[in-house]
Amino acid sequence: MDAAITHDAVERVRPLHGVKPALTALAIGTFAVGAGEFGIMSILPAFAHSLNLTIEQATPVISSYALGVVIGAPVLAVAGAKLSRRSMVLALLCLFIIGNIATILCTQLPYIEAMRFITGLPHGAFFGIAALIGASLVDHAHRGRAIGFVFSGIMLSTLIGAPAFGVASQYVSWRIIYGFIAFLGFICILSVLYYIPKDKPHPDINPLSELDALKSGQVWLTLLTGAIGFGGLFGVYTFLTSALAEVTHLNHWIISIYQVIYGLGLVAGNAFGSIMVDRNLNKTVLIALIASIIFMIGFWLTLPYAWLALIFCFLLPAACIMLSPALQTRLMDVAGEAQTLAAALNHSAFNMANALGPWIAAQLIESGFGLGSVGWGGALLSAGGLLIYLVAMYLMKRSAAH
């Protein structure tokens, strides 16, 4: 039987130094962890050159991190079920720091890949638990905005962190950059210790009870909505530079401006979606997916025209990312008492989309449909996510009627 929607599963806590500083402390963490994930994409050429590798030979460091996220989210969520959420966040940050430091100490690619896998392990659980803590700091009517504020860190890491690291990699070693990312994790630990209030551990809980989340059809449908519906966002982002260079015929420095606009779209969409979630969660998801379909197709049609493409480089990510706070909030509603695992699994689904979207986009391009096909391919993925969510809404309504 599906878990019933509950609004009381997230225990409320009162921060001693104010809600905004507490949420900012968590946002610093999502910025650091987000920079650790996306930073390697912007410094990959310098990373590969330092190890005398081709870019193709170096790309496994990206997939090894993603694999760590997918595996680590459920495993660590269950393993840490007895801990307080504050303690769990601190433990995950320590693992993140250790993984990054170990990465920069390695000199051979296989060892670096192993360390990137370890660094990815705390990613999903950290984001999930940070969202739960953020929601616990405010009343129910403001959960969406609190979660959106916490997640603003990862949006800013895409907008500011990754491009800045790309520029920095031309002047300093990638090891220094990842040392800085580890330092950001340490700053977050200090911020959490000072600003996040202590909550109670759960010594009597059975960690395997977190697996109850996997019994809920609504949890699975919500995760599947994200795994499919987010795919187009990553597919377009992966081939954005190539599409703007080869189809729109832009210079490298102009492409950088388009990438910044893409990041601004993520920040704006996350903020707007967070407000919308507090008003009507289901409508937010539907609007996000329908708008994603429209803007994906718009990106495909306008890609040859520089100014029109610029508009859709903002609208497309803005629409897609509205799903992030919406689906995270919905998981809180449908997971019953298994909050931690459900929240962490959302980021496993996110990384599944990160694998699925670029793979489908690559298949379309290799099949001769051209770089613009990433747009209509992404629209199909958004349509798939929409269909899944409509099924979830129908089943929930039918369950409530009985």
Protein backbone atom coordinates (compact mmCIF):
# COMPACT_ATOMS: atom_id res chain seq x y z
CA MET A 1 0.00 0.00 0.00
CA ASP A 2 1.27 3.47 -0.83
CA ALA A 3 2.33 5.72 2.00
CA ALA A 4 -0.26 8.33 2.75
CA ILE A 5 0.64 11.95 2.35
CA THR A 6 1.77 13.32 5.67
CA HIS A 7 2.72 16.81 6.73
CA ASP A 8 4.14 15.86 10.13
CA ALA A 9 7.00 13.52 9.21
CA VAL A 10 9.62 16.29 9.35
CA GLU A 11 10.29 17.17 12.98
CA ARG A 12 10.39 20.93 13.57
CA VAL A 13 13.48 22.48 15.17
CA ARG A 14 14.19 26.09 16.12
CA PRO A 15 17.57 27.58 15.08
CA LEU A 16 19.19 29.68 17.80
CA HIS A 17 20.75 32.18 15.38
CA GLY A 18 17.89 32.56 12.93
CA VAL A 19 16.49 30.59 10.02
CA LYS A 20 18.33 32.45 7.24
CA PRO A 21 21.86 31.81 8.60
CA ALA A 22 20.97 28.16 9.16
CA LEU A 23 19.70 27.77 5.59
CA THR A 24 22.79 29.61 4.33
CA ALA A 25 25.02 27.14 6.16
CA LEU A 26 23.32 24.30 4.30
CA ALA A 27 23.51 26.21 0.99
CA ILE A 28 27.29 26.54 1.46
CA GLY A 29 27.37 22.77 1.65
CA THR A 30 25.30 22.25 -1.49
CA PHE A 31 27.57 24.76 -3.27
CA ALA A 32 30.69 22.86 -2.19
CA VAL A 33 29.30 19.44 -3.09
CA GLY A 34 27.86 20.79 -6.36
CA ALA A 35 31.22 22.35 -7.23
CA GLY A 36 32.86 19.01 -6.53
CA GLU A 37 30.51 17.29 -8.98
CA PHE A 38 30.36 19.82 -11.83
CA GLY A 39 33.82 21.34 -11.41
CA ILE A 40 35.55 18.38 -13.03
CA MET A 41 33.53 18.96 -16.22
CA SER A 42 34.92 22.47 -16.65
CA ILE A 43 38.53 21.54 -15.81
CA LEU A 44 38.57 18.20 -17.66
CA PRO A 45 41.00 19.37 -20.40
CA ALA A 46 43.53 20.59 -17.83
CA PHE A 47 42.99 17.47 -15.72
CA ALA A 48 43.58 15.19 -18.72
CA HIS A 49 46.67 17.15 -19.81
CA SER A 50 48.25 16.92 -16.37
CA LEU A 51 48.01 13.13 -16.51
CA ASN A 52 49.05 12.90 -20.18
CA LEU A 53 45.64 11.57 -21.16
CA THR A 54 43.12 12.41 -23.84
CA ILE A 55 39.82 13.93 -22.71
CA GLU A 56 38.07 10.70 -23.69
CA GLN A 57 40.45 8.68 -21.49
CA ALA A 58 39.84 11.04 -18.55
CA THR A 59 36.02 11.06 -18.66
CA PRO A 60 35.60 7.96 -16.44
CA VAL A 61 36.32 10.19 -13.43
CA ILE A 62 32.91 11.78 -14.08
CA SER A 63 30.99 8.53 -14.33
CA SER A 64 32.76 7.05 -11.29
CA TYR A 65 31.52 9.98 -9.19
CA ALA A 66 27.98 9.54 -10.51
CA LEU A 67 28.13 5.83 -9.66
CA GLY A 68 29.16 6.77 -6.12
CA VAL A 69 26.13 9.04 -5.85
CA VAL A 70 23.70 6.35 -7.02
CA ILE A 71 25.10 3.71 -4.66
CA GLY A 72 25.92 5.94 -1.71
CA ALA A 73 22.54 7.63 -1.37
CA PRO A 74 20.52 4.60 -0.23
CA VAL A 75 23.38 2.83 1.56
CA LEU A 76 24.42 5.79 3.72
CA ALA A 77 20.81 6.86 4.35
CA VAL A 78 20.07 3.45 5.84
CA ALA A 79 23.42 3.18 7.65
CA GLY A 80 22.94 6.56 9.35
CA ALA A 81 19.30 6.12 10.32
CA LYS A 82 20.09 6.06 14.05
CA LEU A 83 22.04 9.33 13.96
CA SER A 84 20.59 12.79 14.34
CA ARG A 85 20.30 14.60 11.03
CA ARG A 86 22.83 17.23 12.12
CA SER A 87 25.37 14.53 13.01
CA MET A 88 24.68 12.75 9.74
CA VAL A 89 25.31 15.91 7.71
CA LEU A 90 28.59 16.48 9.54
CA ALA A 91 29.70 12.88 8.94
CA LEU A 92 28.84 13.13 5.24
CA LEU A 93 30.80 16.38 4.91
CA CYS A 94 33.82 14.72 6.54
CA LEU A 95 33.65 11.89 3.99
CA PHE A 96 33.34 14.48 1.20
CA ILE A 97 36.45 16.31 2.43
CA ILE A 98 38.45 13.10 2.85
CA GLY A 99 37.49 11.97 -0.65
CA ASN A 100 38.59 15.24 -2.23
CA ILE A 101 41.89 15.33 -0.35
CA ALA A 102 42.58 11.70 -1.27
CA THR A 103 41.78 12.54 -4.92
CA ILE A 104 44.42 15.25 -5.14
CA LEU A 105 47.03 13.01 -3.52
CA CYS A 106 46.63 10.31 -6.19
CA THR A 107 48.79 10.34 -9.30
CA GLN A 108 47.35 7.47 -11.36
CA LEU A 109 43.96 7.55 -13.08
CA PRO A 110 42.57 4.28 -11.60
CA TYR A 111 43.23 5.53 -8.06
CA ILE A 112 41.72 8.92 -8.87
CA GLU A 113 38.62 7.18 -10.23
CA ALA A 114 38.35 5.17 -7.00
CA MET A 115 38.64 8.32 -4.90
CA ARG A 116 36.03 10.10 -7.06
CA PHE A 117 33.70 7.17 -6.42
CA ILE A 118 34.25 7.54 -2.67
CA THR A 119 33.74 11.31 -2.89
CA GLY A 120 30.41 10.73 -4.64
CA LEU A 121 29.09 8.41 -1.93
CA PRO A 122 27.88 11.16 0.48
CA HIS A 123 26.41 13.36 -2.29
CA GLY A 124 22.83 12.08 -2.45
CA ALA A 125 22.42 11.54 1.28
CA PHE A 126 23.83 15.01 2.00
CA PHE A 127 21.40 16.77 -0.33
CA GLY A 128 18.47 14.73 0.93
CA ILE A 129 19.19 15.29 4.61
CA ALA A 130 20.04 18.97 4.05
CA ALA A 131 16.61 19.36 2.45
CA LEU A 132 14.96 17.66 5.43
CA ILE A 133 16.80 19.93 7.87
CA GLY A 134 15.87 22.99 5.82
CA ALA A 135 12.21 21.98 5.86
CA SER A 136 12.37 21.41 9.62
CA LEU A 137 13.47 25.00 10.22
CA VAL A 138 10.27 26.57 8.84
CA ASP A 139 6.54 26.00 9.03
CA HIS A 140 4.82 23.69 6.57
CA ALA A 141 3.63 26.52 4.31
CA HIS A 142 7.22 27.59 3.58
CA ARG A 143 8.89 24.22 3.00
CA GLY A 144 9.33 24.76 -0.73
CA ARG A 145 11.13 28.04 -0.29
CA ALA A 146 13.39 26.59 2.42
CA ILE A 147 14.33 23.63 0.23
CA GLY A 148 14.86 25.93 -2.74
CA PHE A 149 17.18 28.12 -0.68
CA VAL A 150 19.21 25.09 0.39
CA PHE A 151 19.42 23.91 -3.22
CA SER A 152 20.41 27.37 -4.44
CA GLY A 153 23.98 26.40 -3.58
CA ILE A 154 24.18 23.79 -6.32
CA MET A 155 22.61 26.22 -8.82
CA LEU A 156 25.25 28.82 -7.95
CA SER A 157 27.98 26.20 -8.25
CA THR A 158 26.85 25.72 -11.86
CA LEU A 159 26.56 29.46 -12.51
CA ILE A 160 29.71 30.64 -10.73
CA GLY A 161 31.79 27.73 -9.50
CA ALA A 162 32.22 25.61 -12.64
CA PRO A 163 33.05 28.55 -14.99
CA ALA A 164 35.44 30.05 -12.42
CA PHE A 165 37.21 26.72 -12.01
CA GLY A 166 37.46 26.42 -15.79
CA VAL A 167 39.28 29.76 -15.96
CA ALA A 168 41.40 28.95 -12.91
CA SER A 169 42.50 25.64 -14.44
CA GLN A 170 44.42 27.62 -17.07
CA TYR A 171 46.62 29.12 -14.36
CA VAL A 172 46.75 26.66 -11.44
CA SER A 173 46.74 22.90 -11.03
CA TRP A 174 43.43 21.05 -10.81
CA ARG A 175 44.72 19.72 -7.49
CA ILE A 176 44.68 23.24 -6.03
CA ILE A 177 41.11 23.68 -7.26
CA TYR A 178 39.96 20.49 -5.54
CA GLY A 179 41.90 21.46 -2.45
CA PHE A 180 39.81 24.63 -2.42
CA ILE A 181 36.63 22.58 -2.78
CA ALA A 182 37.70 20.49 0.23
CA PHE A 183 38.26 23.75 2.14
CA LEU A 184 34.70 24.83 1.28
CA GLY A 185 33.51 21.59 2.84
CA PHE A 186 35.41 22.48 6.02
CA ILE A 187 33.78 25.94 6.07
CA CYS A 188 30.40 24.24 5.81
CA ILE A 189 31.21 22.00 8.78
CA LEU A 190 31.97 25.06 10.92
CA SER A 191 28.76 26.75 9.71
CA VAL A 192 26.64 23.68 10.48
CA LEU A 193 28.17 23.35 13.95
CA TYR A 194 27.34 26.98 14.75
CA TYR A 195 24.05 27.60 12.98
CA ILE A 196 22.20 24.28 12.72
CA PRO A 197 20.43 23.33 15.96
CA LYS A 198 20.99 19.91 17.45
CA ASP A 199 18.23 17.39 16.87
CA LYS A 200 17.60 14.08 18.57
CA PRO A 201 19.29 10.87 17.46
CA HIS A 202 17.16 7.77 16.93
CA PRO A 203 18.89 4.97 18.87
CA ASP A 204 15.79 2.75 18.93
CA ILE A 205 15.05 2.93 15.23
CA ASN A 206 15.62 -0.08 13.01
CA PRO A 207 17.77 1.19 10.11
CA LEU A 208 16.04 -1.25 7.77
CA SER A 209 12.76 0.56 8.47
CA GLU A 210 14.02 3.20 6.04
CA LEU A 211 13.52 0.59 3.34
CA ASP A 212 9.78 1.01 3.87
CA ALA A 213 10.05 3.91 1.44
CA LEU A 214 10.70 1.35 -1.29
CA LYS A 215 7.28 -0.19 -0.66
CA SER A 216 5.50 2.95 -1.74
CA GLY A 217 4.37 3.17 -5.34
CA GLN A 218 4.12 6.95 -4.98
CA VAL A 219 7.78 7.15 -3.96
CA TRP A 220 8.82 5.13 -7.02
CA LEU A 221 6.65 7.17 -9.36
CA THR A 222 8.06 10.43 -7.98
CA LEU A 223 11.63 9.17 -8.39
CA LEU A 224 10.86 7.93 -11.90
CA THR A 225 9.39 11.33 -12.81
CA GLY A 226 12.72 12.91 -11.94
CA ALA A 227 14.89 10.21 -13.53
CA ILE A 228 13.05 10.60 -16.84
CA GLY A 229 11.83 14.20 -16.73
CA PHE A 230 15.22 15.69 -15.82
CA GLY A 231 17.03 13.83 -18.61
CA GLY A 232 16.60 16.51 -21.25
CA LEU A 233 18.19 19.16 -19.03
CA PHE A 234 21.42 17.16 -18.84
CA GLY A 235 21.29 16.12 -22.48
CA VAL A 236 21.14 19.73 -23.64
CA TYR A 237 23.77 20.89 -21.14
CA THR A 238 26.22 18.17 -22.20
CA PHE A 239 26.15 19.21 -25.86
CA LEU A 240 25.41 22.91 -25.37
CA THR A 241 28.93 24.10 -26.17
CA SER A 242 29.18 21.94 -29.30
CA ALA A 243 25.72 22.97 -30.51
CA LEU A 244 26.41 26.68 -30.06
CA ALA A 245 29.76 26.36 -31.84
CA GLU A 246 28.69 24.19 -34.77
CA VAL A 247 25.04 25.14 -35.31
CA THR A 248 24.79 28.71 -33.98
CA HIS A 249 28.40 29.42 -35.10
CA LEU A 250 29.40 31.38 -32.00
CA ASN A 251 32.91 32.22 -30.83
CA HIS A 252 34.25 30.61 -27.68
CA TRP A 253 33.93 33.71 -25.49
CA ILE A 254 30.34 34.29 -26.62
CA ILE A 255 29.52 30.67 -25.80
CA SER A 256 30.74 31.38 -22.26
CA ILE A 257 28.08 34.10 -22.01
CA TYR A 258 25.41 31.63 -23.11
CA GLN A 259 26.61 29.20 -20.45
CA VAL A 260 26.26 31.90 -17.81
CA ILE A 261 22.73 32.62 -19.06
CA TYR A 262 22.00 28.89 -18.77
CA GLY A 263 23.20 29.02 -15.16
CA LEU A 264 21.08 32.10 -14.46
CA GLY A 265 18.09 30.15 -15.75
CA LEU A 266 18.81 27.44 -13.19
CA VAL A 267 19.00 29.95 -10.34
CA ALA A 268 15.83 31.78 -11.43
CA GLY A 269 13.87 28.57 -12.02
CA ASN A 270 14.87 27.15 -8.65
CA ALA A 271 13.75 30.34 -6.86
CA PHE A 272 10.45 30.60 -8.76
CA GLY A 273 9.72 26.89 -8.43
CA SER A 274 10.30 27.04 -4.68
CA ILE A 275 7.65 29.73 -4.31
CA MET A 276 5.26 27.82 -6.56
CA VAL A 277 5.68 24.62 -4.53
CA ASP A 278 4.34 26.34 -1.42
CA ARG A 279 1.25 27.40 -3.35
CA ASN A 280 0.46 24.20 -5.26
CA LEU A 281 2.92 21.33 -5.55
CA ASN A 282 1.16 19.33 -8.26
CA LYS A 283 0.64 22.37 -10.49
CA THR A 284 4.33 23.23 -10.11
CA VAL A 285 5.38 19.80 -11.40
CA LEU A 286 2.90 19.92 -14.29
CA ILE A 287 3.87 23.47 -15.30
CA ALA A 288 7.57 22.58 -15.12
CA LEU A 289 7.22 19.51 -17.34
CA ILE A 290 4.86 21.12 -19.88
CA ALA A 291 7.07 24.21 -20.09
CA SER A 292 10.12 21.97 -20.47
CA ILE A 293 8.54 20.26 -23.47
CA ILE A 294 7.75 23.62 -25.09
CA PHE A 295 11.16 25.16 -24.41
CA MET A 296 13.06 22.03 -25.48
CA ILE A 297 11.32 22.19 -28.83
CA GLY A 298 11.93 25.95 -28.93
CA PHE A 299 15.64 25.36 -28.35
CA TRP A 300 15.73 22.90 -31.25
CA LEU A 301 13.93 25.26 -33.63
CA THR A 302 15.82 28.44 -32.69
CA LEU A 303 19.33 27.00 -32.30
CA PRO A 304 20.54 28.44 -35.66
CA TYR A 305 19.49 31.96 -34.60
CA ALA A 306 21.81 33.45 -31.99
CA TRP A 307 19.43 35.85 -30.20
CA LEU A 308 16.51 33.44 -30.11
CA ALA A 309 18.77 30.64 -28.89
CA LEU A 310 19.95 32.92 -26.09
CA ILE A 311 16.36 33.28 -24.86
CA PHE A 312 15.82 29.55 -24.75
CA CYS A 313 19.18 29.05 -23.04
CA PHE A 314 17.53 30.83 -20.12
CA LEU A 315 13.96 29.52 -20.34
CA LEU A 316 14.81 25.84 -20.81
CA PRO A 317 16.85 25.30 -17.60
CA ALA A 318 14.52 27.61 -15.66
CA ALA A 319 11.54 25.38 -16.49
CA CYS A 320 13.33 22.08 -15.93
CA ILE A 321 14.89 22.94 -12.57
CA MET A 322 11.50 23.85 -11.07
CA LEU A 323 11.13 20.09 -10.68
CA SER A 324 13.96 19.95 -8.13
CA PRO A 325 12.27 21.54 -5.06
CA ALA A 326 8.89 20.18 -6.16
CA LEU A 327 9.89 16.52 -6.31
CA GLN A 328 12.00 16.79 -3.15
CA THR A 329 8.98 18.20 -1.30
CA ARG A 330 6.64 15.56 -2.70
CA LEU A 331 8.93 12.79 -1.48
CA MET A 332 8.58 14.22 2.03
CA ASP A 333 4.82 13.93 1.64
CA VAL A 334 4.64 10.37 0.35
CA ALA A 335 7.53 8.65 2.17
CA GLY A 336 5.81 8.27 5.52
CA GLU A 337 8.41 7.71 8.26
CA ALA A 338 11.15 6.71 5.79
CA GLN A 339 12.07 10.32 5.11
CA THR A 340 15.86 10.05 4.96
CA LEU A 341 16.07 7.30 2.36
CA ALA A 342 13.39 8.84 0.14
CA ALA A 343 15.06 12.26 0.27
CA ALA A 344 18.46 10.77 -0.57
CA LEU A 345 17.08 8.66 -3.42
CA ASN A 346 15.90 11.83 -5.14
CA HIS A 347 19.52 12.58 -5.97
CA SER A 348 20.13 9.05 -7.16
CA ALA A 349 17.26 9.67 -9.58
CA PHE A 350 18.83 13.01 -10.49
CA ASN A 351 22.07 11.26 -11.42
CA MET A 352 20.21 8.58 -13.34
CA ALA A 353 18.83 11.43 -15.43
CA ASN A 354 22.39 12.74 -15.73
CA ALA A 355 23.34 9.41 -17.30
CA LEU A 356 20.19 8.84 -19.37
CA GLY A 357 19.83 12.31 -20.93
CA PRO A 358 23.33 12.62 -22.42
CA TRP A 359 23.26 8.99 -23.57
CA ILE A 360 20.03 9.48 -25.51
CA ALA A 361 21.30 12.79 -26.89
CA ALA A 362 24.52 11.11 -28.05
CA GLN A 363 22.54 8.33 -29.76
CA LEU A 364 20.44 10.88 -31.65
CA ILE A 365 23.50 12.80 -32.79
CA GLU A 366 25.39 9.67 -33.84
CA SER A 367 22.29 8.54 -35.77
CA GLY A 368 22.61 11.62 -37.95
CA PHE A 369 19.85 13.80 -36.50
CA GLY A 370 22.29 16.62 -35.73
CA LEU A 371 23.15 18.54 -32.58
CA GLY A 372 19.76 20.26 -32.58
CA SER A 373 18.12 16.90 -31.90
CA VAL A 374 19.13 17.17 -28.24
CA GLY A 375 16.20 19.60 -28.00
CA TRP A 376 13.41 17.39 -29.30
CA GLY A 377 15.01 14.37 -27.63
CA GLY A 378 14.82 16.24 -24.34
CA ALA A 379 11.19 17.13 -25.08
CA LEU A 380 10.38 13.43 -25.37
CA LEU A 381 12.00 12.78 -21.98
CA SER A 382 10.02 15.63 -20.40
CA ALA A 383 6.86 14.19 -21.94
CA GLY A 384 7.73 10.82 -20.41
CA GLY A 385 8.15 12.44 -17.01
CA LEU A 386 4.81 14.21 -17.44
CA LEU A 387 3.03 10.96 -18.28
CA ILE A 388 4.50 9.24 -15.22
CA TYR A 389 3.46 12.07 -12.93
CA LEU A 390 -0.08 12.10 -14.31
CA VAL A 391 -0.27 8.40 -13.45
CA ALA A 392 0.99 9.18 -9.93
CA MET A 393 -1.67 11.88 -9.49
CA TYR A 394 -4.41 9.57 -10.78
CA LEU A 395 -3.42 6.74 -8.44
CA MET A 396 -3.21 9.09 -5.48
CA LYS A 397 -6.65 10.51 -6.23
CA ARG A 398 -8.13 7.03 -6.61
CA SER A 399 -6.51 5.90 -3.34
CA ALA A 400 -7.92 8.94 -1.52
CA ALA A 401 -11.40 8.21 -2.88
CA HIS A 402 -11.31 4.79 -1.26
